[in-house]
């Protein structure tokens, strides 16, 4: 499939993508066969989705209220759901600032409360 024009762009968590793909899957099943790429994508989001879409968006919004938080990083955190400070530090490895222990603990608390 060739994309002719980009209509819009939105960052999605894996659970949100799973929810959208489930709707597409239902439509495509009614029409006929699922393509190879769609089947592989559905299998991927099924394997890596760790919560439902509403919970994931709520967690993203909570994380965005924190300092030093970018939307891309919040989405990545929700997709991975890190459990330790080191896992969070690895997500921030490419950033030009260092997080304090309090910042990391605050993020881990939000993650723990949502799961």
C-alpha atoms as a PDB file:
ATOM      1  CA  UNK A   1       0.000   0.000   0.000  1.00  0.00           C
ATOM      2  CA  UNK A   2       1.402   3.378  -1.005  1.00  0.00           C
ATOM      3  CA  UNK A   3       0.622   6.393   1.152  1.00  0.00           C
ATOM      4  CA  UNK A   4      -0.224   9.368  -1.007  1.00  0.00           C
ATOM      5  CA  UNK A   5      -0.710  12.022   1.610  1.00  0.00           C
ATOM      6  CA  UNK A   6      -0.379  12.340   5.376  1.00  0.00           C
ATOM      7  CA  UNK A   7      -3.683  13.458   6.860  1.00  0.00           C
ATOM      8  CA  UNK A   8      -2.660  13.683  10.496  1.00  0.00           C
ATOM      9  CA  UNK A   9      -0.353  12.330  13.132  1.00  0.00           C
ATOM     10  CA  UNK A  10      -1.056  11.360  16.729  1.00  0.00           C
ATOM     11  CA  UNK A  11       1.043   9.573  19.322  1.00  0.00           C
ATOM     12  CA  UNK A  12      -0.630   6.390  20.554  1.00  0.00           C
ATOM     13  CA  UNK A  13       0.203   3.933  23.277  1.00  0.00           C
ATOM     14  CA  UNK A  14       0.311   0.242  22.405  1.00  0.00           C
ATOM     15  CA  UNK A  15      -3.028  -0.387  24.184  1.00  0.00           C
ATOM     16  CA  UNK A  16      -4.662   2.421  22.178  1.00  0.00           C
ATOM     17  CA  UNK A  17      -3.253   0.982  18.963  1.00  0.00           C
ATOM     18  CA  UNK A  18      -4.580  -2.432  20.007  1.00  0.00           C
ATOM     19  CA  UNK A  19      -8.058  -1.000  20.511  1.00  0.00           C
ATOM     20  CA  UNK A  20      -8.005   0.632  17.068  1.00  0.00           C
ATOM     21  CA  UNK A  21      -6.671  -2.504  15.406  1.00  0.00           C
ATOM     22  CA  UNK A  22      -9.363  -4.620  17.052  1.00  0.00           C
ATOM     23  CA  UNK A  23     -11.989  -2.430  15.361  1.00  0.00           C
ATOM     24  CA  UNK A  24     -10.183  -2.670  12.023  1.00  0.00           C
ATOM     25  CA  UNK A  25      -9.917  -6.434  12.453  1.00  0.00           C
ATOM     26  CA  UNK A  26     -13.679  -6.749  12.982  1.00  0.00           C
ATOM     27  CA  UNK A  27     -14.378  -4.676   9.856  1.00  0.00           C
ATOM     28  CA  UNK A  28     -11.900  -6.629   7.749  1.00  0.00           C
ATOM     29  CA  UNK A  29     -13.195 -10.005   8.915  1.00  0.00           C
ATOM     30  CA  UNK A  30     -16.662  -9.020   7.709  1.00  0.00           C
ATOM     31  CA  UNK A  31     -15.241  -7.902   4.347  1.00  0.00           C
ATOM     32  CA  UNK A  32     -13.038 -10.931   3.810  1.00  0.00           C
ATOM     33  CA  UNK A  33      -9.455 -11.784   4.621  1.00  0.00           C
ATOM     34  CA  UNK A  34      -6.917 -10.098   6.886  1.00  0.00           C
ATOM     35  CA  UNK A  35      -3.650  -9.166   5.216  1.00  0.00           C
ATOM     36  CA  UNK A  36      -0.311 -10.526   6.389  1.00  0.00           C
ATOM     37  CA  UNK A  37       0.903  -7.185   7.774  1.00  0.00           C
ATOM     38  CA  UNK A  38      -2.314  -6.605   9.678  1.00  0.00           C
ATOM     39  CA  UNK A  39      -2.187 -10.076  11.237  1.00  0.00           C
ATOM     40  CA  UNK A  40       1.438  -9.551  12.313  1.00  0.00           C
ATOM     41  CA  UNK A  41       0.633  -6.124  13.746  1.00  0.00           C
ATOM     42  CA  UNK A  42      -2.356  -7.438  15.681  1.00  0.00           C
ATOM     43  CA  UNK A  43      -0.245 -10.270  17.069  1.00  0.00           C
ATOM     44  CA  UNK A  44       2.406  -7.745  18.160  1.00  0.00           C
ATOM     45  CA  UNK A  45       0.042  -5.385  19.976  1.00  0.00           C
ATOM     46  CA  UNK A  46      -1.718  -8.341  21.609  1.00  0.00           C
ATOM     47  CA  UNK A  47       1.624  -9.560  22.959  1.00  0.00           C
ATOM     48  CA  UNK A  48       2.858  -6.185  24.230  1.00  0.00           C
ATOM     49  CA  UNK A  49      -0.299  -4.453  25.439  1.00  0.00           C
ATOM     50  CA  UNK A  50      -0.156  -4.420  29.236  1.00  0.00           C
ATOM     51  CA  UNK A  51      -3.315  -2.451  30.133  1.00  0.00           C
ATOM     52  CA  UNK A  52      -6.446  -1.132  28.502  1.00  0.00           C
ATOM     53  CA  UNK A  53      -6.510   1.991  26.341  1.00  0.00           C
ATOM     54  CA  UNK A  54      -8.322   4.221  28.837  1.00  0.00           C
ATOM     55  CA  UNK A  55      -5.896   3.417  31.642  1.00  0.00           C
ATOM     56  CA  UNK A  56      -2.924   3.997  29.358  1.00  0.00           C
ATOM     57  CA  UNK A  57      -4.154   7.441  28.274  1.00  0.00           C
ATOM     58  CA  UNK A  58      -4.859   8.384  31.907  1.00  0.00           C
ATOM     59  CA  UNK A  59      -1.310   7.401  32.860  1.00  0.00           C
ATOM     60  CA  UNK A  60       0.135   9.376  29.932  1.00  0.00           C
ATOM     61  CA  UNK A  61      -1.802  12.468  31.038  1.00  0.00           C
ATOM     62  CA  UNK A  62      -0.598  12.009  34.639  1.00  0.00           C
ATOM     63  CA  UNK A  63       2.996  11.674  33.494  1.00  0.00           C
ATOM     64  CA  UNK A  64       2.714  14.776  31.306  1.00  0.00           C
ATOM     65  CA  UNK A  65       1.938  16.835  34.407  1.00  0.00           C
ATOM     66  CA  UNK A  66       5.445  16.108  35.720  1.00  0.00           C
ATOM     67  CA  UNK A  67       8.488  18.268  35.001  1.00  0.00           C
ATOM     68  CA  UNK A  68      10.947  17.110  32.343  1.00  0.00           C
ATOM     69  CA  UNK A  69       8.303  15.012  30.614  1.00  0.00           C
ATOM     70  CA  UNK A  70       7.788  15.006  26.871  1.00  0.00           C
ATOM     71  CA  UNK A  71       4.820  13.319  25.176  1.00  0.00           C
ATOM     72  CA  UNK A  72       7.111  10.848  23.377  1.00  0.00           C
ATOM     73  CA  UNK A  73       8.726   9.795  26.642  1.00  0.00           C
ATOM     74  CA  UNK A  74       5.382   9.493  28.441  1.00  0.00           C
ATOM     75  CA  UNK A  75       4.112   7.194  25.676  1.00  0.00           C
ATOM     76  CA  UNK A  76       7.293   5.102  25.860  1.00  0.00           C
ATOM     77  CA  UNK A  77       6.981   4.799  29.644  1.00  0.00           C
ATOM     78  CA  UNK A  78       3.366   3.642  29.377  1.00  0.00           C
ATOM     79  CA  UNK A  79       4.254   1.109  26.688  1.00  0.00           C
ATOM     80  CA  UNK A  80       7.132  -0.364  28.698  1.00  0.00           C
ATOM     81  CA  UNK A  81       5.831   0.156  32.267  1.00  0.00           C
ATOM     82  CA  UNK A  82       9.295   0.210  33.877  1.00  0.00           C
ATOM     83  CA  UNK A  83       9.493  -1.102  37.431  1.00  0.00           C
ATOM     84  CA  UNK A  84      12.877   0.236  38.558  1.00  0.00           C
ATOM     85  CA  UNK A  85      14.810   3.494  38.524  1.00  0.00           C
ATOM     86  CA  UNK A  86      17.394   1.994  36.176  1.00  0.00           C
ATOM     87  CA  UNK A  87      14.722   1.094  33.641  1.00  0.00           C
ATOM     88  CA  UNK A  88      13.424   4.673  33.766  1.00  0.00           C
ATOM     89  CA  UNK A  89      16.941   6.069  33.422  1.00  0.00           C
ATOM     90  CA  UNK A  90      17.449   3.985  30.290  1.00  0.00           C
ATOM     91  CA  UNK A  91      14.373   5.618  28.737  1.00  0.00           C
ATOM     92  CA  UNK A  92      15.889   9.041  29.482  1.00  0.00           C
ATOM     93  CA  UNK A  93      19.398   8.047  28.298  1.00  0.00           C
ATOM     94  CA  UNK A  94      19.301  10.231  25.160  1.00  0.00           C
ATOM     95  CA  UNK A  95      17.986  13.309  26.959  1.00  0.00           C
ATOM     96  CA  UNK A  96      20.279  16.161  27.919  1.00  0.00           C
ATOM     97  CA  UNK A  97      19.241  16.272  31.565  1.00  0.00           C
ATOM     98  CA  UNK A  98      19.527  13.996  34.555  1.00  0.00           C
ATOM     99  CA  UNK A  99      16.541  13.016  36.661  1.00  0.00           C
ATOM    100  CA  UNK A 100      16.722  13.132  40.426  1.00  0.00           C
ATOM    101  CA  UNK A 101      15.790  10.158  42.554  1.00  0.00           C
ATOM    102  CA  UNK A 102      12.638  12.007  43.613  1.00  0.00           C
ATOM    103  CA  UNK A 103      11.605  12.483  39.961  1.00  0.00           C
ATOM    104  CA  UNK A 104      12.134   8.790  39.265  1.00  0.00           C
ATOM    105  CA  UNK A 105      10.244   7.731  42.387  1.00  0.00           C
ATOM    106  CA  UNK A 106       7.346  10.009  41.475  1.00  0.00           C
ATOM    107  CA  UNK A 107       7.105   8.371  38.041  1.00  0.00           C
ATOM    108  CA  UNK A 108       7.332   4.881  39.526  1.00  0.00           C
ATOM    109  CA  UNK A 109       4.559   5.749  41.988  1.00  0.00           C
ATOM    110  CA  UNK A 110       2.286   6.834  39.118  1.00  0.00           C
ATOM    111  CA  UNK A 111       3.050   3.607  37.259  1.00  0.00           C
ATOM    112  CA  UNK A 112       2.406   1.474  40.353  1.00  0.00           C
ATOM    113  CA  UNK A 113      -0.903   3.242  41.029  1.00  0.00           C
ATOM    114  CA  UNK A 114      -2.129   2.582  37.486  1.00  0.00           C
ATOM    115  CA  UNK A 115      -1.284  -1.113  37.327  1.00  0.00           C
END
